[in-house]
Amino acid sequence: MPLLLLLAQAATLGATNVTVDTAMTVPVAKPTFADEFAGKAIDRTAWRFDTSRNAAGWYNHERQYYADGRPENARIEHGVLIIEARRETLSRRQFADWGGQAYSSAKLVTRQAYGYGFYEIRAKLPCGRGTWPAIWLLPSDGKWPDAGEIDVMEMVGWDPNVIHATLHSGAFNHVKGTQRGAQKHIPTSCTAFHRYQLDWRADAITIGIDGRAYMRVANDQPGGVAAWPFTRPYELILNLAVGGDWGGQKGIDDAALPQRMAVDYVRYWARKE
């Protein structure tokens, strides 16, 4: 999910300039990292909660407070991770970093950064207007967009079942209108689980759903790191935002809340390049 947005370019963060239609093959070996969410609680050794912008406000004019380990917003239910966005007013007495938000949710980030390899996240998405679920990767340091961003899945609730995959870099990003990405219509994205997949290699990044790729970006543009910063490990992020310049473009349907993003598992197979 992008970290900076000019209002003049708020209509969409998606792109349709690198579409493909080809098979994706899941590795048969045991994953290098996996969380099947089979325990009673979120594994704090594998995940941390990002609350860094609660007091100041989150990017893109998003309107949620991201809670840290609050079960109302993030929990395990029957072997599934639930990230839940709620309409509620908190207080600084309850949460010292509360920034006046009228919504709460959660943002989970892997404690370890991962790089080249195959990623698969099986998830069911929320479709309420104003929701903005995402599965994405960022490096732990570096300036955006120069350090790069990989959006494996984004969807805005006012345009349900349209899945976006996007890459951002110094030369190719939504601020310039040069972002590279594709869209896929999945009519059951909010009623059924689907496998959101990323194949990250040194020469290309491919993103697909349920074993079928719909976006591929090759490392073939001049410009060095400005064109291709995707050469070091990134952290994997799971979050459900509320509102924002894109997610809230058509308002927020408070009556539809709470809304959930359910994640059945996260799996990653490392690849040496």
Protein backbone atom coordinates (compact mmCIF):
# COMPACT_ATOMS: atom_id res chain seq x y z
CA MET A 1 0.00 0.00 0.00
CA PRO A 2 1.67 3.23 -1.10
CA LEU A 3 3.15 5.58 1.47
CA LEU A 4 2.56 8.90 -0.29
CA LEU A 5 -0.23 10.15 -2.51
CA LEU A 6 -0.85 13.38 -4.38
CA LEU A 7 -4.54 14.26 -4.30
CA ALA A 8 -4.59 14.93 -8.03
CA GLN A 9 -3.69 11.30 -8.58
CA ALA A 10 -6.10 9.81 -6.07
CA ALA A 11 -8.44 8.27 -8.62
CA THR A 12 -6.55 4.99 -8.65
CA LEU A 13 -3.23 3.56 -7.60
CA GLY A 14 -3.62 0.62 -9.91
CA ALA A 15 -2.17 0.08 -13.36
CA THR A 16 -2.80 -2.23 -16.30
CA ASN A 17 0.44 -1.89 -18.24
CA VAL A 18 2.17 -5.20 -17.51
CA THR A 19 -0.53 -7.82 -17.81
CA VAL A 20 0.18 -11.47 -18.57
CA ASP A 21 -1.69 -14.75 -18.49
CA THR A 22 0.53 -17.66 -17.61
CA ALA A 23 0.79 -20.48 -15.10
CA MET A 24 2.48 -20.15 -11.70
CA THR A 25 3.92 -23.22 -10.01
CA VAL A 26 4.03 -23.56 -6.24
CA PRO A 27 7.27 -25.18 -4.98
CA VAL A 28 6.88 -28.71 -3.68
CA ALA A 29 9.56 -28.40 -1.01
CA LYS A 30 8.86 -27.47 2.59
CA PRO A 31 8.50 -23.68 2.94
CA THR A 32 11.38 -21.68 4.35
CA PHE A 33 8.86 -19.80 6.48
CA ALA A 34 5.23 -20.57 7.12
CA ASP A 35 2.55 -19.51 9.53
CA GLU A 36 -0.55 -21.70 9.38
CA PHE A 37 -2.15 -19.78 12.26
CA ALA A 38 -2.81 -23.04 14.04
CA GLY A 39 -2.10 -21.74 17.54
CA LYS A 40 -4.34 -19.92 19.97
CA ALA A 41 -2.63 -16.56 19.54
CA ILE A 42 -0.66 -14.59 16.95
CA ASP A 43 2.99 -15.64 17.01
CA ARG A 44 4.86 -12.59 18.27
CA THR A 45 8.18 -14.14 17.32
CA ALA A 46 7.09 -14.09 13.66
CA TRP A 47 5.00 -10.90 13.56
CA ARG A 48 5.06 -7.40 14.97
CA PHE A 49 2.29 -4.80 14.96
CA ASP A 50 3.04 -1.52 13.19
CA THR A 51 1.60 1.36 15.21
CA SER A 52 4.20 3.95 14.21
CA ARG A 53 1.85 6.53 12.67
CA ASN A 54 -1.09 6.30 15.03
CA ALA A 55 -0.49 9.60 16.78
CA ALA A 56 0.50 11.55 13.66
CA GLY A 57 -2.00 9.90 11.32
CA TRP A 58 -1.42 7.34 8.61
CA TYR A 59 -0.38 8.02 5.06
CA ASN A 60 -2.91 8.53 2.24
CA HIS A 61 -5.25 10.21 4.74
CA GLU A 62 -6.29 6.78 6.00
CA ARG A 63 -8.59 6.98 8.99
CA GLN A 64 -7.77 3.93 11.12
CA TYR A 65 -5.97 3.45 14.40
CA TYR A 66 -3.75 0.35 14.19
CA ALA A 67 -3.92 -1.53 17.48
CA ASP A 68 -1.09 -3.55 18.97
CA GLY A 69 -2.23 -7.05 19.83
CA ARG A 70 -5.82 -6.02 20.57
CA PRO A 71 -8.01 -9.11 19.96
CA GLU A 72 -10.88 -6.99 18.68
CA ASN A 73 -8.66 -6.12 15.71
CA ALA A 74 -6.33 -9.10 15.28
CA ARG A 75 -6.76 -12.64 16.51
CA ILE A 76 -6.73 -16.32 15.58
CA GLU A 77 -10.10 -17.98 14.99
CA HIS A 78 -10.35 -21.66 14.06
CA GLY A 79 -6.91 -21.70 12.43
CA VAL A 80 -7.37 -18.40 10.57
CA LEU A 81 -5.85 -14.99 11.23
CA ILE A 82 -8.58 -12.35 11.46
CA ILE A 83 -7.73 -8.68 10.87
CA GLU A 84 -10.86 -6.70 11.70
CA ALA A 85 -11.70 -3.06 11.00
CA ARG A 86 -14.22 -1.53 13.38
CA ARG A 87 -16.12 1.74 13.71
CA GLU A 88 -15.34 2.93 17.23
CA THR A 89 -13.95 5.91 19.06
CA LEU A 90 -11.11 5.10 21.43
CA SER A 91 -9.33 7.46 23.83
CA ARG A 92 -5.84 8.45 24.93
CA ARG A 93 -6.70 7.13 28.35
CA GLN A 94 -7.00 3.68 26.79
CA PHE A 95 -4.27 4.08 24.17
CA ALA A 96 -1.60 6.73 24.63
CA ASP A 97 -0.84 6.91 20.90
CA TRP A 98 -4.47 7.32 19.79
CA GLY A 99 -4.64 10.11 17.22
CA GLY A 100 -8.37 10.79 17.25
CA GLN A 101 -9.30 8.14 14.70
CA ALA A 102 -12.89 6.93 14.50
CA TYR A 103 -11.90 3.47 13.23
CA SER A 104 -9.62 0.72 14.49
CA SER A 105 -7.82 -2.09 12.68
CA ALA A 106 -4.44 -3.87 12.63
CA LYS A 107 -1.28 -4.02 10.56
CA LEU A 108 1.02 -7.05 10.92
CA VAL A 109 4.61 -7.06 9.67
CA THR A 110 6.99 -10.02 9.59
CA ARG A 111 9.86 -9.66 12.03
CA GLN A 112 12.20 -11.14 9.46
CA ALA A 113 12.75 -9.70 6.00
CA TYR A 114 12.53 -12.09 3.06
CA GLY A 115 13.80 -11.77 -0.50
CA TYR A 116 13.87 -13.76 -3.71
CA GLY A 117 11.48 -16.67 -3.70
CA PHE A 118 7.86 -17.73 -3.95
CA TYR A 119 5.20 -16.33 -1.63
CA GLU A 120 1.67 -17.63 -1.16
CA ILE A 121 -0.95 -16.06 1.11
CA ARG A 122 -4.40 -17.66 1.21
CA ALA A 123 -6.96 -15.04 2.17
CA LYS A 124 -10.58 -13.94 2.02
CA LEU A 125 -11.16 -10.21 1.67
CA PRO A 126 -13.63 -7.64 3.03
CA CYS A 127 -15.88 -5.82 0.57
CA GLY A 128 -17.38 -3.02 2.65
CA ARG A 129 -17.16 0.43 1.07
CA GLY A 130 -14.24 2.27 2.64
CA THR A 131 -12.14 -0.83 3.35
CA TRP A 132 -8.67 -1.19 1.84
CA PRO A 133 -7.05 -4.59 2.48
CA ALA A 134 -3.50 -5.23 1.33
CA ILE A 135 -0.78 -7.87 1.18
CA TRP A 136 2.49 -6.18 0.33
CA LEU A 137 6.24 -5.91 0.90
CA LEU A 138 8.56 -3.06 1.87
CA PRO A 139 12.19 -2.88 2.99
CA SER A 140 12.69 -2.03 6.65
CA ASP A 141 14.63 1.11 5.79
CA GLY A 142 15.08 3.49 2.89
CA LYS A 143 13.03 6.32 1.43
CA TRP A 144 9.84 5.64 -0.49
CA PRO A 145 9.57 5.12 -3.42
CA ASP A 146 13.30 4.81 -4.04
CA ALA A 147 13.62 1.68 -1.90
CA GLY A 148 10.76 -0.02 -3.72
CA GLU A 149 7.37 -1.53 -2.91
CA ILE A 150 5.72 -4.77 -4.02
CA ASP A 151 1.93 -4.91 -3.78
CA VAL A 152 0.87 -8.54 -4.04
CA MET A 153 -2.79 -7.73 -3.43
CA GLU A 154 -4.79 -4.56 -2.93
CA MET A 155 -8.52 -4.09 -3.19
CA VAL A 156 -10.78 -1.15 -2.37
CA GLY A 157 -14.22 -1.92 -1.02
CA TRP A 158 -16.06 0.50 -3.31
CA ASP A 159 -14.75 -1.53 -6.28
CA PRO A 160 -15.17 -5.05 -4.88
CA ASN A 161 -13.58 -8.13 -6.39
CA VAL A 162 -11.09 -6.15 -8.51
CA ILE A 163 -7.64 -7.21 -7.32
CA HIS A 164 -4.61 -5.00 -7.98
CA ALA A 165 -0.93 -5.98 -8.18
CA THR A 166 1.54 -3.12 -8.45
CA LEU A 167 5.24 -2.28 -8.23
CA HIS A 168 6.66 1.09 -7.20
CA SER A 169 10.22 2.40 -7.50
CA GLY A 170 11.99 5.73 -7.87
CA ALA A 171 11.39 5.79 -11.61
CA PHE A 172 8.07 3.94 -11.67
CA ASN A 173 5.47 4.98 -9.09
CA HIS A 174 1.95 6.34 -8.79
CA VAL A 175 3.12 9.85 -7.92
CA LYS A 176 4.57 10.09 -11.41
CA GLY A 177 1.79 7.99 -12.91
CA THR A 178 4.37 5.48 -14.10
CA GLN A 179 3.60 2.62 -11.69
CA ARG A 180 3.62 -0.84 -13.20
CA GLY A 181 0.82 -3.25 -12.46
CA ALA A 182 -2.25 -5.18 -13.47
CA GLN A 183 -5.78 -5.97 -12.31
CA LYS A 184 -7.77 -9.18 -12.02
CA HIS A 185 -11.49 -9.61 -11.43
CA ILE A 186 -12.15 -12.35 -8.88
CA PRO A 187 -15.92 -12.52 -8.32
CA THR A 188 -15.60 -14.55 -5.11
CA SER A 189 -12.75 -12.64 -3.46
CA CYS A 190 -15.00 -11.63 -0.54
CA THR A 191 -16.86 -14.91 -0.14
CA ALA A 192 -14.11 -17.48 -0.64
CA PHE A 193 -10.41 -17.94 0.06
CA HIS A 194 -7.95 -17.42 -2.78
CA ARG A 195 -4.20 -17.91 -3.03
CA TYR A 196 -2.37 -14.64 -3.67
CA GLN A 197 1.05 -15.42 -5.08
CA LEU A 198 4.34 -13.68 -5.74
CA ASP A 199 7.32 -15.11 -7.64
CA TRP A 200 10.23 -12.75 -6.94
CA ARG A 201 13.37 -13.30 -8.98
CA ALA A 202 16.39 -11.19 -9.88
CA ASP A 203 15.22 -10.79 -13.47
CA ALA A 204 11.45 -10.46 -12.97
CA ILE A 205 8.58 -10.15 -10.49
CA THR A 206 5.44 -12.14 -11.25
CA ILE A 207 2.16 -11.91 -9.32
CA GLY A 208 -0.90 -14.13 -9.66
CA ILE A 209 -3.91 -15.72 -8.03
CA ASP A 210 -4.68 -19.42 -7.62
CA GLY A 211 -1.80 -20.57 -9.82
CA ARG A 212 -2.37 -18.13 -12.66
CA ALA A 213 -0.18 -15.06 -13.16
CA TYR A 214 -1.73 -11.81 -14.33
CA MET A 215 1.20 -9.41 -13.81
CA ARG A 216 4.86 -9.71 -14.74
CA VAL A 217 7.47 -6.96 -14.60
CA ALA A 218 10.89 -7.71 -16.07
CA ASN A 219 14.13 -6.19 -14.84
CA ASP A 220 14.88 -4.76 -18.27
CA GLN A 221 14.53 -0.99 -17.90
CA PRO A 222 17.52 1.39 -17.87
CA GLY A 223 18.00 3.49 -14.78
CA GLY A 224 19.69 1.22 -12.28
CA VAL A 225 18.25 1.18 -8.76
CA ALA A 226 15.66 3.83 -9.69
CA ALA A 227 14.11 1.32 -12.05
CA TRP A 228 14.83 -1.86 -10.08
CA PRO A 229 15.49 -1.55 -6.33
CA PHE A 230 14.16 -5.08 -5.70
CA THR A 231 17.51 -6.62 -4.83
CA ARG A 232 17.38 -6.96 -1.03
CA PRO A 233 15.04 -8.55 1.49
CA TYR A 234 11.69 -6.92 2.26
CA GLU A 235 9.25 -7.39 5.13
CA LEU A 236 5.84 -8.87 4.37
CA ILE A 237 2.84 -6.81 5.52
CA LEU A 238 -0.80 -7.74 6.11
CA ASN A 239 -3.19 -4.90 6.89
CA LEU A 240 -6.70 -3.60 6.56
CA ALA A 241 -6.94 0.18 6.20
CA VAL A 242 -10.09 2.27 6.40
CA GLY A 243 -10.76 5.24 4.15
CA GLY A 244 -7.88 7.11 2.58
CA ASP A 245 -7.47 8.82 -0.76
CA TRP A 246 -8.14 5.60 -2.65
CA GLY A 247 -9.95 3.33 -0.21
CA GLY A 248 -12.25 6.12 0.95
CA GLN A 249 -12.78 7.75 -2.42
CA LYS A 250 -16.52 6.97 -2.29
CA GLY A 251 -16.87 7.33 1.45
CA ILE A 252 -17.06 4.77 4.23
CA ASP A 253 -20.11 2.63 4.86
CA ASP A 254 -20.20 2.59 8.65
CA ALA A 255 -23.20 0.26 8.61
CA ALA A 256 -21.09 -2.38 6.86
CA LEU A 257 -18.53 -2.46 9.68
CA PRO A 258 -16.99 -4.44 11.21
CA GLN A 259 -15.25 -5.98 8.20
CA ARG A 260 -12.64 -8.72 8.23
CA MET A 261 -9.69 -9.87 6.20
CA ALA A 262 -9.18 -13.57 6.94
CA VAL A 263 -5.79 -15.17 6.28
CA ASP A 264 -5.61 -18.96 6.28
CA TYR A 265 -1.82 -19.15 5.92
CA VAL A 266 1.35 -17.38 4.84
CA ARG A 267 4.07 -19.44 3.11
CA TYR A 268 7.44 -18.48 1.66
CA TRP A 269 10.00 -20.53 -0.22
CA ALA A 270 13.44 -18.90 -0.49
CA ARG A 271 15.32 -18.92 -3.77
CA LYS A 272 18.99 -18.22 -4.26
CA GLU A 273 19.76 -16.11 -7.34
